[in-house]
Amino acid sequence: MKEIGCPICSSPLTVRTAKGRKSNKPFIMLVCPVDGRHFRGFITDQNYLKRVLNELNNNNYKDLGREGG
């Protein structure tokens, strides 16, 4: 897996799942582990998200932040 660095401090971004406040829909969040104010990005495409989550479930990953795959 390739790492994406924070544009401010160059730390590898953390990837995790989250839910929209109003829609309650799932999305993927990329956030700086040093300071969440440095960078926060969201992937909200539901078709892409379903494919990613299905692949993670098939590989027995607990969450997106887990190293490995």
Protein backbone atom coordinates (compact mmCIF):
# COMPACT_ATOMS: atom_id res chain seq x y z
CA MET A 1 0.00 0.00 0.00
CA LYS A 2 1.32 3.44 -0.89
CA GLU A 3 1.43 6.15 1.72
CA ILE A 4 0.11 9.65 1.21
CA GLY A 5 1.88 12.32 3.23
CA CYS A 6 0.32 15.28 4.96
CA PRO A 7 0.97 18.41 2.86
CA ILE A 8 1.95 20.33 6.03
CA CYS A 9 4.14 17.92 8.07
CA SER A 10 4.69 14.98 5.66
CA SER A 11 3.44 12.38 8.18
CA PRO A 12 1.62 9.47 6.50
CA LEU A 13 -2.14 10.16 6.55
CA THR A 14 -4.38 7.89 8.57
CA VAL A 15 -7.27 6.28 6.70
CA ARG A 16 -10.49 5.42 8.53
CA THR A 17 -14.20 5.04 8.03
CA ALA A 18 -16.72 7.59 9.26
CA LYS A 19 -20.38 8.54 8.83
CA GLY A 20 -21.97 11.75 7.62
CA ARG A 21 -23.59 13.82 10.35
CA LYS A 22 -26.85 14.43 8.53
CA SER A 23 -26.95 11.69 5.90
CA ASN A 24 -25.50 8.98 8.15
CA LYS A 25 -23.86 7.57 4.99
CA PRO A 26 -20.43 5.97 5.34
CA PHE A 27 -17.34 7.56 3.83
CA ILE A 28 -13.57 7.19 3.92
CA MET A 29 -11.64 9.88 5.77
CA LEU A 30 -7.95 10.69 5.32
CA VAL A 31 -6.58 12.70 8.26
CA CYS A 32 -3.19 13.87 9.53
CA PRO A 33 -2.29 11.84 12.65
CA VAL A 34 -0.13 14.66 14.04
CA ASP A 35 -2.82 17.34 13.89
CA GLY A 36 -6.21 16.81 12.27
CA ARG A 37 -6.29 20.49 11.33
CA HIS A 38 -3.37 19.98 8.92
CA PHE A 39 -5.37 17.88 6.52
CA ARG A 40 -8.74 16.14 6.36
CA GLY A 41 -10.00 14.64 3.13
CA PHE A 42 -13.15 12.65 2.44
CA ILE A 43 -14.06 10.07 -0.19
CA THR A 44 -17.84 9.98 -0.49
CA ASP A 45 -18.46 8.09 -3.76
CA GLN A 46 -20.82 5.36 -2.52
CA ASN A 47 -20.06 2.89 -5.35
CA TYR A 48 -16.31 3.14 -4.72
CA LEU A 49 -16.86 2.93 -0.99
CA LYS A 50 -18.92 -0.27 -1.29
CA ARG A 51 -16.15 -1.90 -3.35
CA VAL A 52 -13.48 -0.92 -0.82
CA LEU A 53 -15.51 -2.08 2.17
CA ASN A 54 -16.36 -5.39 0.47
CA GLU A 55 -12.69 -5.99 -0.26
CA LEU A 56 -11.77 -5.19 3.34
CA ASN A 57 -14.47 -7.54 4.64
CA ASN A 58 -13.22 -10.29 2.33
CA ASN A 59 -9.71 -9.81 3.71
CA ASN A 60 -10.91 -9.75 7.36
CA TYR A 61 -9.76 -6.19 8.04
CA LYS A 62 -11.30 -4.59 11.12
CA ASP A 63 -10.92 -1.03 9.81
CA LEU A 64 -9.19 1.00 7.12
CA GLY A 65 -6.39 2.12 9.42
CA ARG A 66 -4.97 -1.39 9.69
CA GLU A 67 -1.59 -1.90 8.00
CA GLY A 68 -1.17 -4.66 5.52
CA GLY A 69 -3.15 -4.97 2.29
